[in-house]
Amino acid sequence: MTHRTQSLPTPLVDDTARILKCLGHPLRLHILDFLERSGEATVSEIHEALDVEQAIASQHLINMRDKGILIRRKEGVNVYYAIGDARALKVLSCVREAAC
């Protein structure tokens, strides 16, 4: 068995910690799960699907967008959110595997 002797680069560790910290909230994991299944969704669709207040869903979506985890696009009056960082999907995959 070969052991790695090289330490992780600090920027990688810092960036990964930022993503994990943001995704450490249960509602944010539910949002991520919903967006993975739906592809993209509006704030209204997310708050209805997850049965949370629209303002709360919006606050979490903005936080995840600000961290680069989500992307958004405007179409008329609607704003659509989608997953913008594939590493977030890896975190979600780990959560699913741990549930088995």
C-alpha atoms as a PDB file:
ATOM      1  CA  MET A   1       0.000   0.000   0.000  1.00  0.00           C
ATOM      2  CA  THR A   2       1.402   3.359  -1.013  1.00  0.00           C
ATOM      3  CA  HIS A   3       0.948   6.317   1.299  1.00  0.00           C
ATOM      4  CA  ARG A   4       0.764   9.853   0.034  1.00  0.00           C
ATOM      5  CA  THR A   5       3.577  11.931   1.408  1.00  0.00           C
ATOM      6  CA  GLN A   6       2.588  15.192  -0.220  1.00  0.00           C
ATOM      7  CA  SER A   7       0.249  17.359   1.799  1.00  0.00           C
ATOM      8  CA  LEU A   8      -2.913  18.817   0.339  1.00  0.00           C
ATOM      9  CA  PRO A   9      -2.458  22.269  -1.166  1.00  0.00           C
ATOM     10  CA  THR A  10      -3.794  24.985   1.131  1.00  0.00           C
ATOM     11  CA  PRO A  11      -6.013  26.616  -1.553  1.00  0.00           C
ATOM     12  CA  LEU A  12      -7.685  23.245  -2.207  1.00  0.00           C
ATOM     13  CA  VAL A  13      -8.262  22.659   1.499  1.00  0.00           C
ATOM     14  CA  ASP A  14      -9.617  26.181   1.996  1.00  0.00           C
ATOM     15  CA  ASP A  15     -11.965  25.948  -0.986  1.00  0.00           C
ATOM     16  CA  THR A  16     -13.223  22.499   0.015  1.00  0.00           C
ATOM     17  CA  ALA A  17     -13.817  23.655   3.605  1.00  0.00           C
ATOM     18  CA  ARG A  18     -15.832  26.617   2.279  1.00  0.00           C
ATOM     19  CA  ILE A  19     -18.077  24.287   0.273  1.00  0.00           C
ATOM     20  CA  LEU A  20     -18.488  21.797   3.114  1.00  0.00           C
ATOM     21  CA  LYS A  21     -19.315  24.572   5.587  1.00  0.00           C
ATOM     22  CA  CYS A  22     -21.989  25.951   3.283  1.00  0.00           C
ATOM     23  CA  LEU A  23     -23.483  22.512   2.653  1.00  0.00           C
ATOM     24  CA  GLY A  24     -23.455  21.705   6.366  1.00  0.00           C
ATOM     25  CA  HIS A  25     -27.031  22.941   6.724  1.00  0.00           C
ATOM     26  CA  PRO A  26     -29.811  20.344   6.273  1.00  0.00           C
ATOM     27  CA  LEU A  27     -32.013  22.613   4.142  1.00  0.00           C
ATOM     28  CA  ARG A  28     -29.131  23.361   1.798  1.00  0.00           C
ATOM     29  CA  LEU A  29     -28.578  19.627   1.285  1.00  0.00           C
ATOM     30  CA  HIS A  30     -32.289  19.230   0.531  1.00  0.00           C
ATOM     31  CA  ILE A  31     -32.094  22.110  -1.951  1.00  0.00           C
ATOM     32  CA  LEU A  32     -29.079  20.515  -3.608  1.00  0.00           C
ATOM     33  CA  ASP A  33     -30.876  17.164  -3.801  1.00  0.00           C
ATOM     34  CA  PHE A  34     -33.957  18.804  -5.316  1.00  0.00           C
ATOM     35  CA  LEU A  35     -31.915  20.711  -7.877  1.00  0.00           C
ATOM     36  CA  GLU A  36     -30.000  17.613  -8.882  1.00  0.00           C
ATOM     37  CA  ARG A  37     -33.285  15.828  -9.574  1.00  0.00           C
ATOM     38  CA  SER A  38     -35.003  18.753 -11.286  1.00  0.00           C
ATOM     39  CA  GLY A  39     -32.064  20.280 -13.138  1.00  0.00           C
ATOM     40  CA  GLU A  40     -33.113  23.816 -12.302  1.00  0.00           C
ATOM     41  CA  ALA A  41     -35.933  25.486 -10.418  1.00  0.00           C
ATOM     42  CA  THR A  42     -37.308  28.830  -9.297  1.00  0.00           C
ATOM     43  CA  VAL A  43     -37.443  29.953  -5.671  1.00  0.00           C
ATOM     44  CA  SER A  44     -41.195  29.316  -5.735  1.00  0.00           C
ATOM     45  CA  GLU A  45     -40.760  25.753  -6.991  1.00  0.00           C
ATOM     46  CA  ILE A  46     -38.102  25.058  -4.369  1.00  0.00           C
ATOM     47  CA  HIS A  47     -40.021  26.487  -1.419  1.00  0.00           C
ATOM     48  CA  GLU A  48     -43.168  24.585  -2.427  1.00  0.00           C
ATOM     49  CA  ALA A  49     -41.322  21.296  -2.996  1.00  0.00           C
ATOM     50  CA  LEU A  50     -39.453  21.515   0.298  1.00  0.00           C
ATOM     51  CA  ASP A  51     -42.336  23.036   2.300  1.00  0.00           C
ATOM     52  CA  VAL A  52     -40.372  26.015   3.615  1.00  0.00           C
ATOM     53  CA  GLU A  53     -41.147  29.721   3.556  1.00  0.00           C
ATOM     54  CA  GLN A  54     -40.141  31.439   0.335  1.00  0.00           C
ATOM     55  CA  ALA A  55     -37.965  33.974   2.183  1.00  0.00           C
ATOM     56  CA  ILE A  56     -36.034  31.193   3.904  1.00  0.00           C
ATOM     57  CA  ALA A  57     -35.506  29.285   0.649  1.00  0.00           C
ATOM     58  CA  SER A  58     -34.394  32.494  -1.040  1.00  0.00           C
ATOM     59  CA  GLN A  59     -31.898  33.269   1.726  1.00  0.00           C
ATOM     60  CA  HIS A  60     -30.292  29.817   1.429  1.00  0.00           C
ATOM     61  CA  LEU A  61     -30.219  29.988  -2.374  1.00  0.00           C
ATOM     62  CA  ILE A  62     -28.446  33.353  -2.255  1.00  0.00           C
ATOM     63  CA  ASN A  63     -25.917  31.993   0.229  1.00  0.00           C
ATOM     64  CA  MET A  64     -25.202  28.977  -1.980  1.00  0.00           C
ATOM     65  CA  ARG A  65     -24.952  31.189  -5.056  1.00  0.00           C
ATOM     66  CA  ASP A  66     -22.568  33.569  -3.322  1.00  0.00           C
ATOM     67  CA  LYS A  67     -20.330  30.600  -2.471  1.00  0.00           C
ATOM     68  CA  GLY A  68     -20.337  29.467  -6.120  1.00  0.00           C
ATOM     69  CA  ILE A  69     -22.264  26.271  -5.437  1.00  0.00           C
ATOM     70  CA  LEU A  70     -25.304  27.403  -7.434  1.00  0.00           C
ATOM     71  CA  ILE A  71     -25.712  29.430 -10.579  1.00  0.00           C
ATOM     72  CA  ARG A  72     -28.773  31.382 -11.623  1.00  0.00           C
ATOM     73  CA  ARG A  73     -30.312  32.676 -14.794  1.00  0.00           C
ATOM     74  CA  LYS A  74     -33.117  35.155 -15.298  1.00  0.00           C
ATOM     75  CA  GLU A  75     -35.938  34.545 -17.727  1.00  0.00           C
ATOM     76  CA  GLY A  76     -38.442  37.362 -17.626  1.00  0.00           C
ATOM     77  CA  VAL A  77     -39.505  37.784 -14.015  1.00  0.00           C
ATOM     78  CA  ASN A  78     -38.326  34.299 -13.024  1.00  0.00           C
ATOM     79  CA  VAL A  79     -34.913  33.433 -11.629  1.00  0.00           C
ATOM     80  CA  TYR A  80     -33.843  29.813 -12.135  1.00  0.00           C
ATOM     81  CA  TYR A  81     -31.251  28.168  -9.898  1.00  0.00           C
ATOM     82  CA  ALA A  82     -29.089  25.196 -10.857  1.00  0.00           C
ATOM     83  CA  ILE A  83     -26.017  23.461  -9.478  1.00  0.00           C
ATOM     84  CA  GLY A  84     -22.900  25.270 -10.598  1.00  0.00           C
ATOM     85  CA  ASP A  85     -20.147  23.307  -8.854  1.00  0.00           C
ATOM     86  CA  ALA A  86     -19.787  19.583  -9.496  1.00  0.00           C
ATOM     87  CA  ARG A  87     -17.989  19.141  -6.177  1.00  0.00           C
ATOM     88  CA  ALA A  88     -21.304  19.794  -4.435  1.00  0.00           C
ATOM     89  CA  LEU A  89     -22.686  16.743  -6.231  1.00  0.00           C
ATOM     90  CA  LYS A  90     -19.828  14.674  -4.816  1.00  0.00           C
ATOM     91  CA  VAL A  91     -20.825  15.780  -1.310  1.00  0.00           C
ATOM     92  CA  LEU A  92     -24.428  14.812  -2.055  1.00  0.00           C
ATOM     93  CA  SER A  93     -23.251  11.435  -3.354  1.00  0.00           C
ATOM     94  CA  CYS A  94     -21.355  10.829  -0.101  1.00  0.00           C
ATOM     95  CA  VAL A  95     -24.490  11.673   1.899  1.00  0.00           C
ATOM     96  CA  ARG A  96     -26.511   9.200  -0.149  1.00  0.00           C
ATOM     97  CA  GLU A  97     -23.877   6.470   0.225  1.00  0.00           C
ATOM     98  CA  ALA A  98     -23.781   6.995   3.988  1.00  0.00           C
ATOM     99  CA  ALA A  99     -27.552   6.428   4.127  1.00  0.00           C
ATOM    100  CA  CYS A 100     -27.231   2.918   2.669  1.00  0.00           C
END
